[in-house]
Amino acid sequence: MNLHTDIRLLVVGERLLVRMGLSALLQSADNLSIIAQASPDELSAQLLDVYRPDSLVWLVGDEMPNLPSTDLGVPILFLLSDVAQAGRIWNTMRPLIGDHLPMGMMLQHPLSAGQVMVGLMALREGLMVIDPAISVILTPSDEADTRLSATSESLTPREMQVLQHMAAGLPNKQIARILGISPNTVKFHVNAILSKLDAQSRTEAVIRATQLGWVLL
């Protein structure tokens, strides 16, 4: 690894202030050159052809952004605000980039410029970068997989529909409008899903459903 060659970095984030904050944090890292900033909607092959970054650092907010629909041809390090976002990003991005490009996922909290720099250096060397807390979500144990498979078999078709919308981050009222049922009925289904998946929260239920491949993210 050549530590004396700057990594040309494009910072991605939904809001300008968020991108500026991340850029300011990373300015303290050696061997890193921030060449541009962009929102997810601005990302395109043409934009990357202009700036030619070595990597992207993508700060993911509380609401999941629209992810690229095509391979951008550059390694991406995603900085997640919640481990529940990992399943959707992994399932969406891995088929696009295949095995020819590395990608990474790290949690935003706690986070330092040094950690991001180490992640970017690993990506430059062709390595995948996965935060330990996230790796547990992506690679459940055999025991957990067996237990979840047994409980999730009892989900009804309607509960599976509600679960899919939960995974998309939709609130009960919006799910109710989409499915043409009352918010109270949605709440009933959500409670049933939590019980059957032995989950204490909506996030935990989505994580466990992602482990099983029960949600299309």
Protein backbone atom coordinates (compact mmCIF):
# COMPACT_ATOMS: atom_id res chain seq x y z
CA MET A 1 0.00 0.00 0.00
CA ASN A 2 1.37 3.37 -0.98
CA LEU A 3 0.64 5.63 2.01
CA HIS A 4 2.07 8.67 0.24
CA THR A 5 -0.48 8.77 -2.56
CA ASP A 6 -3.55 10.88 -1.84
CA ILE A 7 -6.96 9.26 -2.12
CA ARG A 8 -9.19 11.47 -4.25
CA LEU A 9 -12.54 11.52 -2.46
CA LEU A 10 -16.04 12.61 -3.42
CA VAL A 11 -18.32 13.23 -0.42
CA VAL A 12 -21.99 12.30 -0.81
CA GLY A 13 -24.84 13.37 1.48
CA GLU A 14 -28.47 14.46 1.30
CA ARG A 15 -27.92 17.94 2.75
CA LEU A 16 -25.23 20.51 2.07
CA LEU A 17 -24.49 21.12 5.76
CA VAL A 18 -24.07 17.39 6.31
CA ARG A 19 -21.61 17.14 3.44
CA MET A 20 -19.70 20.17 4.68
CA GLY A 21 -19.50 18.71 8.19
CA LEU A 22 -18.16 15.40 6.95
CA SER A 23 -15.69 17.18 4.68
CA ALA A 24 -14.46 19.26 7.62
CA LEU A 25 -13.99 16.11 9.71
CA LEU A 26 -11.99 14.40 6.98
CA GLN A 27 -9.78 17.42 6.29
CA SER A 28 -7.67 16.37 9.28
CA ALA A 29 -6.76 13.04 7.69
CA ASP A 30 -3.42 12.75 5.89
CA ASN A 31 -3.20 11.48 2.31
CA LEU A 32 -6.79 12.44 1.58
CA SER A 33 -7.93 14.97 -1.02
CA ILE A 34 -11.61 15.96 -1.06
CA ILE A 35 -12.24 16.93 -4.67
CA ALA A 36 -16.02 17.44 -4.69
CA GLN A 37 -19.34 17.08 -2.88
CA ALA A 38 -22.67 15.88 -4.26
CA SER A 39 -26.16 14.85 -3.23
CA PRO A 40 -27.34 11.31 -4.07
CA ASP A 41 -29.59 12.71 -6.81
CA GLU A 42 -26.60 14.33 -8.49
CA LEU A 43 -24.59 11.13 -8.72
CA SER A 44 -24.05 9.92 -12.26
CA ALA A 45 -21.39 8.34 -14.43
CA GLN A 46 -20.93 11.72 -16.10
CA LEU A 47 -20.26 13.47 -12.78
CA LEU A 48 -17.70 10.86 -11.78
CA ASP A 49 -16.07 11.10 -15.19
CA VAL A 50 -15.52 14.82 -14.57
CA TYR A 51 -14.00 14.50 -11.08
CA ARG A 52 -12.52 10.96 -11.36
CA PRO A 53 -12.53 10.16 -7.61
CA ASP A 54 -10.77 7.13 -6.20
CA SER A 55 -13.65 6.52 -3.77
CA LEU A 56 -16.97 7.87 -2.56
CA VAL A 57 -17.86 8.41 1.09
CA TRP A 58 -21.64 8.39 1.42
CA LEU A 59 -23.17 9.70 4.65
CA VAL A 60 -26.60 8.02 4.91
CA GLY A 61 -29.20 9.98 6.90
CA ASP A 62 -32.12 8.70 8.92
CA GLU A 63 -34.19 8.37 5.73
CA MET A 64 -32.78 5.92 3.23
CA PRO A 65 -31.81 7.77 0.00
CA ASN A 66 -32.32 6.52 -3.51
CA LEU A 67 -29.37 4.27 -4.25
CA PRO A 68 -27.72 4.09 -7.69
CA SER A 69 -29.47 1.90 -10.24
CA THR A 70 -26.24 1.23 -12.14
CA ASP A 71 -22.64 0.49 -11.27
CA LEU A 72 -20.82 3.81 -10.77
CA GLY A 73 -17.46 2.14 -11.28
CA VAL A 74 -15.88 3.39 -8.03
CA PRO A 75 -15.59 1.96 -4.48
CA ILE A 76 -18.12 3.36 -2.01
CA LEU A 77 -17.81 3.63 1.76
CA PHE A 78 -21.29 4.04 3.29
CA LEU A 79 -21.51 5.69 6.70
CA LEU A 80 -24.79 4.50 8.25
CA SER A 81 -26.89 6.16 10.92
CA ASP A 82 -28.57 2.83 11.80
CA VAL A 83 -27.56 -0.81 11.41
CA ALA A 84 -31.03 -1.51 9.96
CA GLN A 85 -29.93 0.30 6.79
CA ALA A 86 -27.20 -2.26 6.12
CA GLY A 87 -29.45 -4.95 4.64
CA ARG A 88 -31.00 -2.73 1.98
CA ILE A 89 -27.68 -1.19 0.97
CA TRP A 90 -25.97 -4.58 0.78
CA ASN A 91 -28.77 -6.22 -1.21
CA THR A 92 -29.04 -3.26 -3.60
CA MET A 93 -25.38 -2.52 -4.22
CA ARG A 94 -23.70 -5.93 -4.27
CA PRO A 95 -25.45 -7.15 -7.48
CA LEU A 96 -24.46 -3.90 -9.19
CA ILE A 97 -20.78 -3.92 -8.38
CA GLY A 98 -20.35 -7.70 -8.34
CA ASP A 99 -16.91 -8.87 -7.27
CA HIS A 100 -14.84 -6.37 -9.24
CA LEU A 101 -15.18 -3.44 -6.80
CA PRO A 102 -15.03 -3.34 -3.01
CA MET A 103 -17.59 -1.53 -0.90
CA GLY A 104 -17.74 -0.69 2.77
CA MET A 105 -20.25 0.04 5.52
CA MET A 106 -19.41 1.70 8.83
CA LEU A 107 -21.58 3.22 11.54
CA GLN A 108 -21.49 7.00 11.93
CA HIS A 109 -21.36 6.84 15.73
CA PRO A 110 -18.71 6.64 16.96
CA LEU A 111 -16.63 7.74 13.99
CA SER A 112 -13.29 9.46 13.49
CA ALA A 113 -11.36 10.73 10.49
CA GLY A 114 -8.76 8.05 11.19
CA GLN A 115 -11.33 5.26 10.99
CA VAL A 116 -12.67 6.57 7.68
CA MET A 117 -9.15 6.87 6.33
CA VAL A 118 -8.33 3.28 7.28
CA GLY A 119 -11.53 2.15 5.57
CA LEU A 120 -10.69 4.07 2.41
CA MET A 121 -7.17 2.65 2.33
CA ALA A 122 -8.61 -0.87 2.60
CA LEU A 123 -11.03 -0.16 -0.26
CA ARG A 124 -8.13 1.09 -2.38
CA GLU A 125 -6.43 -2.25 -1.82
CA GLY A 126 -9.54 -4.11 -2.99
CA LEU A 127 -10.81 -5.16 0.45
CA MET A 128 -14.38 -5.08 1.74
CA VAL A 129 -14.91 -2.93 4.84
CA ILE A 130 -17.70 -3.97 7.21
CA ASP A 131 -18.21 -2.57 10.70
CA PRO A 132 -18.31 -5.45 13.26
CA ALA A 133 -21.79 -4.36 14.43
CA ILE A 134 -23.00 -4.56 10.83
CA SER A 135 -21.32 -7.88 10.06
CA VAL A 136 -23.45 -9.52 12.76
CA ILE A 137 -26.55 -8.38 10.88
CA LEU A 138 -25.32 -9.59 7.48
CA THR A 139 -24.04 -12.95 8.70
CA PRO A 140 -26.38 -14.35 11.36
CA SER A 141 -25.40 -17.45 13.28
CA ASP A 142 -26.83 -20.84 12.31
CA GLU A 143 -28.72 -20.93 15.60
CA ALA A 144 -30.35 -17.56 14.97
CA ASP A 145 -31.18 -18.50 11.39
CA THR A 146 -32.87 -21.74 12.48
CA ARG A 147 -34.86 -20.01 15.23
CA LEU A 148 -36.02 -17.19 12.97
CA SER A 149 -36.98 -19.54 10.15
CA ALA A 150 -39.25 -21.43 12.49
CA THR A 151 -41.03 -18.35 13.82
CA SER A 152 -41.34 -16.45 10.54
CA GLU A 153 -43.17 -19.30 8.82
CA SER A 154 -46.33 -18.27 10.69
CA LEU A 155 -46.47 -14.77 9.15
CA THR A 156 -49.66 -14.24 7.17
CA PRO A 157 -49.64 -12.76 3.64
CA ARG A 158 -50.98 -9.47 5.05
CA GLU A 159 -48.29 -9.42 7.73
CA MET A 160 -45.67 -9.97 5.03
CA GLN A 161 -47.05 -6.95 3.16
CA VAL A 162 -46.88 -4.82 6.30
CA LEU A 163 -43.38 -6.08 7.03
CA GLN A 164 -42.20 -5.05 3.56
CA HIS A 165 -43.49 -1.53 4.08
CA MET A 166 -41.91 -1.43 7.55
CA ALA A 167 -38.59 -2.29 5.91
CA ALA A 168 -39.06 0.71 3.61
CA GLY A 169 -39.34 2.90 6.70
CA LEU A 170 -43.01 3.80 6.25
CA PRO A 171 -45.11 4.83 9.29
CA ASN A 172 -48.36 3.06 10.16
CA LYS A 173 -50.61 5.74 8.64
CA GLN A 174 -48.85 5.58 5.28
CA ILE A 175 -48.93 1.77 5.29
CA ALA A 176 -52.66 1.96 6.02
CA ARG A 177 -53.26 4.24 3.02
CA ILE A 178 -51.27 1.99 0.69
CA LEU A 179 -52.99 -1.23 1.80
CA GLY A 180 -56.46 0.32 2.16
CA ILE A 181 -56.85 -0.63 5.82
CA SER A 182 -57.11 1.35 9.03
CA PRO A 183 -54.08 2.50 11.07
CA ASN A 184 -55.36 0.42 13.99
CA THR A 185 -55.33 -2.67 11.79
CA VAL A 186 -51.76 -1.89 10.73
CA LYS A 187 -50.81 -1.49 14.39
CA PHE A 188 -52.35 -4.91 15.10
CA HIS A 189 -50.30 -6.50 12.30
CA VAL A 190 -47.10 -4.76 13.45
CA ASN A 191 -47.56 -6.10 16.97
CA ALA A 192 -48.15 -9.58 15.58
CA ILE A 193 -44.98 -9.33 13.48
CA LEU A 194 -42.91 -8.24 16.48
CA SER A 195 -44.26 -11.12 18.51
CA LYS A 196 -43.69 -13.76 15.85
CA LEU A 197 -40.15 -12.55 15.11
CA ASP A 198 -39.41 -12.21 18.84
CA ALA A 199 -38.43 -8.57 18.26
CA GLN A 200 -38.64 -5.65 20.68
CA SER A 201 -38.85 -2.94 18.00
CA ARG A 202 -39.67 -2.35 14.36
CA THR A 203 -35.96 -1.99 13.58
CA GLU A 204 -35.15 -5.31 15.21
CA ALA A 205 -37.97 -7.00 13.30
CA VAL A 206 -36.69 -5.63 9.98
CA ILE A 207 -33.14 -6.72 10.80
CA ARG A 208 -34.28 -10.26 11.55
CA ALA A 209 -36.44 -10.37 8.44
CA THR A 210 -33.47 -9.15 6.39
CA GLN A 211 -31.34 -11.96 7.80
CA LEU A 212 -33.93 -14.41 6.51
CA GLY A 213 -34.26 -12.74 3.12
CA TRP A 214 -37.96 -12.17 3.80
CA VAL A 215 -37.94 -8.52 2.73
CA LEU A 216 -37.08 -7.21 -0.74
CA LEU A 217 -34.78 -4.27 -0.05
